[in-house]
Amino acid sequence: MWSKNYSACIQCQTTERLHEAHGLCRRCYKKSPIGKLQKKRYRKSIGFKNYMVTYWKTPLGRAQLTIQKEKKRAKQKDTDITAKWLVELFEKTMICTICGREIDNNTLYPNGKHMDHIMPVNIGGKFEKKNIRFIHGGCNHRRPKKNFPKNL
């Protein structure tokens, strides 16, 4: 895949080992549409998932995982939500705000009540009272995960 000889890249003209089929250095190949597609396919592969499982067990992987958890906790520190308030909201919510049907408290996880952020946290929603609701599990799973409208 990568040549053993050093040559000039077609795009950036740096002298490095080039991709045999495309004549690009590693940086230019990663930025190219073919390189991006290959990366996307690799990320979905079983080999990548197996690699990540072993990576999270290494000291560097554990450190990175800890950093991710700390970032998530930092977002939740500046909040007005308490556990008591969440329990009250859980007990008070009887109707799903998405489909309008009644929510059964006794149903187990997949179809029971789910805590939901009205504006998802991954696109800038806050972890605060006005952004939290309980809805059906099925309604929560049908909501869009990406490309969420930002004008809500």
Protein backbone atom coordinates (compact mmCIF):
# COMPACT_ATOMS: atom_id res chain seq x y z
CA MET A 1 0.00 0.00 0.00
CA TRP A 2 2.69 2.52 0.99
CA SER A 3 5.79 2.56 -1.19
CA LYS A 4 9.27 1.94 0.24
CA ASN A 5 10.83 4.74 -1.80
CA TYR A 6 10.61 8.38 -0.87
CA SER A 7 9.08 10.67 -3.52
CA ALA A 8 7.36 14.05 -3.74
CA CYS A 9 3.64 14.16 -2.95
CA ILE A 10 1.41 15.24 -5.83
CA GLN A 11 -0.50 17.79 -3.71
CA CYS A 12 1.85 19.24 -1.10
CA GLN A 13 5.22 18.35 -2.71
CA THR A 14 6.73 17.01 0.54
CA THR A 15 9.21 14.18 0.19
CA GLU A 16 7.76 11.16 1.99
CA ARG A 17 6.69 7.61 1.40
CA LEU A 18 3.66 7.80 -0.89
CA HIS A 19 0.52 5.76 -1.36
CA GLU A 20 1.30 3.50 -4.32
CA ALA A 21 -2.04 3.93 -6.10
CA HIS A 22 -2.66 7.63 -5.48
CA GLY A 23 0.78 9.26 -5.19
CA LEU A 24 -0.17 11.13 -2.01
CA CYS A 25 1.62 11.40 1.34
CA ARG A 26 -0.19 10.17 4.47
CA ARG A 27 -1.54 13.60 5.43
CA CYS A 28 -2.93 14.34 1.95
CA TYR A 29 -4.33 10.80 1.61
CA LYS A 30 -6.23 11.13 4.92
CA LYS A 31 -7.77 14.41 3.72
CA SER A 32 -8.76 13.00 0.31
CA PRO A 33 -12.31 11.64 -0.26
CA ILE A 34 -10.92 8.11 -0.75
CA GLY A 35 -8.99 8.28 2.53
CA LYS A 36 -12.04 9.56 4.41
CA LEU A 37 -14.22 6.79 3.01
CA GLN A 38 -11.64 4.16 3.96
CA LYS A 39 -11.46 5.58 7.50
CA LYS A 40 -15.27 5.49 7.81
CA ARG A 41 -15.37 1.85 6.66
CA TYR A 42 -12.57 0.88 9.05
CA ARG A 43 -14.33 2.50 12.01
CA LYS A 44 -17.36 0.27 11.39
CA SER A 45 -15.27 -2.91 11.12
CA ILE A 46 -14.93 -5.60 13.78
CA GLY A 47 -11.16 -5.19 13.72
CA PHE A 48 -11.45 -1.57 14.84
CA LYS A 49 -13.91 -2.47 17.60
CA ASN A 50 -11.59 -5.21 18.86
CA TYR A 51 -8.68 -2.76 18.76
CA MET A 52 -10.65 -0.21 20.80
CA VAL A 53 -11.59 -2.81 23.43
CA THR A 54 -7.91 -3.56 23.98
CA TYR A 55 -6.98 0.15 23.72
CA TRP A 56 -9.28 1.17 26.59
CA LYS A 57 -7.41 -1.34 28.79
CA THR A 58 -4.04 0.37 28.25
CA PRO A 59 -2.91 3.22 30.57
CA LEU A 60 -3.24 5.78 27.75
CA GLY A 61 -6.71 4.53 26.84
CA ARG A 62 -7.86 4.62 30.47
CA ALA A 63 -6.51 8.16 30.80
CA GLN A 64 -8.40 9.26 27.69
CA LEU A 65 -11.59 7.61 28.94
CA THR A 66 -11.20 9.39 32.28
CA ILE A 67 -10.83 12.73 30.50
CA GLN A 68 -14.02 12.08 28.52
CA LYS A 69 -15.92 11.22 31.71
CA GLU A 70 -14.60 14.35 33.46
CA LYS A 71 -15.76 16.54 30.57
CA LYS A 72 -19.22 14.99 30.83
CA ARG A 73 -19.30 15.52 34.62
CA ALA A 74 -18.19 19.13 34.21
CA LYS A 75 -21.23 19.80 32.01
CA GLN A 76 -23.49 18.32 34.69
CA LYS A 77 -21.98 20.30 37.60
CA ASP A 78 -23.52 23.63 36.56
CA THR A 79 -27.09 22.44 36.90
CA ASP A 80 -30.24 23.11 38.87
CA ILE A 81 -31.33 19.46 38.75
CA THR A 82 -31.47 17.38 41.93
CA ALA A 83 -32.20 13.70 42.37
CA LYS A 84 -35.36 14.55 44.30
CA TRP A 85 -36.61 16.74 41.43
CA LEU A 86 -35.93 13.96 38.91
CA VAL A 87 -37.91 11.44 40.98
CA GLU A 88 -40.83 13.90 41.27
CA LEU A 89 -40.78 14.54 37.52
CA PHE A 90 -40.63 10.79 36.85
CA GLU A 91 -43.68 10.15 39.03
CA LYS A 92 -45.57 13.20 37.72
CA THR A 93 -45.08 12.44 34.01
CA MET A 94 -47.98 10.31 32.79
CA ILE A 95 -48.20 11.30 29.09
CA CYS A 96 -45.45 11.20 26.48
CA THR A 97 -44.92 14.68 25.00
CA ILE A 98 -43.94 13.24 21.62
CA CYS A 99 -46.75 10.79 20.83
CA GLY A 100 -49.38 11.90 23.38
CA ARG A 101 -50.02 8.37 24.71
CA GLU A 102 -49.98 7.36 28.36
CA ILE A 103 -46.68 6.04 29.74
CA ASP A 104 -46.82 2.94 31.92
CA ASN A 105 -44.58 3.18 35.01
CA ASN A 106 -44.31 -0.59 35.36
CA THR A 107 -42.92 -1.26 31.88
CA LEU A 108 -39.29 -2.34 31.86
CA TYR A 109 -36.44 -0.41 30.22
CA PRO A 110 -36.90 -0.74 26.43
CA ASN A 111 -40.42 0.71 26.34
CA GLY A 112 -40.69 2.39 29.73
CA LYS A 113 -39.97 5.98 30.65
CA HIS A 114 -36.72 7.47 29.39
CA MET A 115 -35.18 10.69 30.58
CA ASP A 116 -34.69 12.84 27.49
CA HIS A 117 -32.96 16.12 26.76
CA ILE A 118 -35.25 18.27 24.61
CA MET A 119 -32.19 19.87 23.00
CA PRO A 120 -29.55 17.09 22.92
CA VAL A 121 -26.42 17.72 24.96
CA ASN A 122 -24.15 16.75 22.04
CA ILE A 123 -25.35 19.77 20.03
CA GLY A 124 -25.26 22.30 22.85
CA GLY A 125 -28.25 21.51 25.05
CA LYS A 126 -27.78 22.09 28.78
CA PHE A 127 -28.29 19.69 31.67
CA GLU A 128 -30.98 21.81 33.37
CA LYS A 129 -34.64 21.55 34.39
CA LYS A 130 -36.15 23.27 31.36
CA ASN A 131 -34.34 20.84 29.02
CA ILE A 132 -35.38 17.54 30.70
CA ARG A 133 -38.51 15.46 30.11
CA PHE A 134 -39.60 11.82 30.35
CA ILE A 135 -40.91 10.10 27.21
CA HIS A 136 -41.54 6.57 25.89
CA GLY A 137 -38.42 4.55 25.22
CA GLY A 138 -39.59 3.91 21.66
CA CYS A 139 -40.18 7.63 21.04
CA ASN A 140 -36.72 8.38 22.41
CA HIS A 141 -35.08 5.86 20.09
CA ARG A 142 -36.94 7.23 17.06
CA ARG A 143 -35.73 10.78 17.68
CA PRO A 144 -32.90 11.91 15.38
CA LYS A 145 -29.41 11.45 16.78
CA LYS A 146 -27.65 13.74 14.31
CA ASN A 147 -28.69 16.68 12.15
CA PHE A 148 -31.05 17.83 14.89
CA PRO A 149 -32.69 21.21 14.14
CA LYS A 150 -30.91 23.89 16.18
CA ASN A 151 -33.80 26.38 16.14
CA LEU A 152 -35.95 24.68 18.82
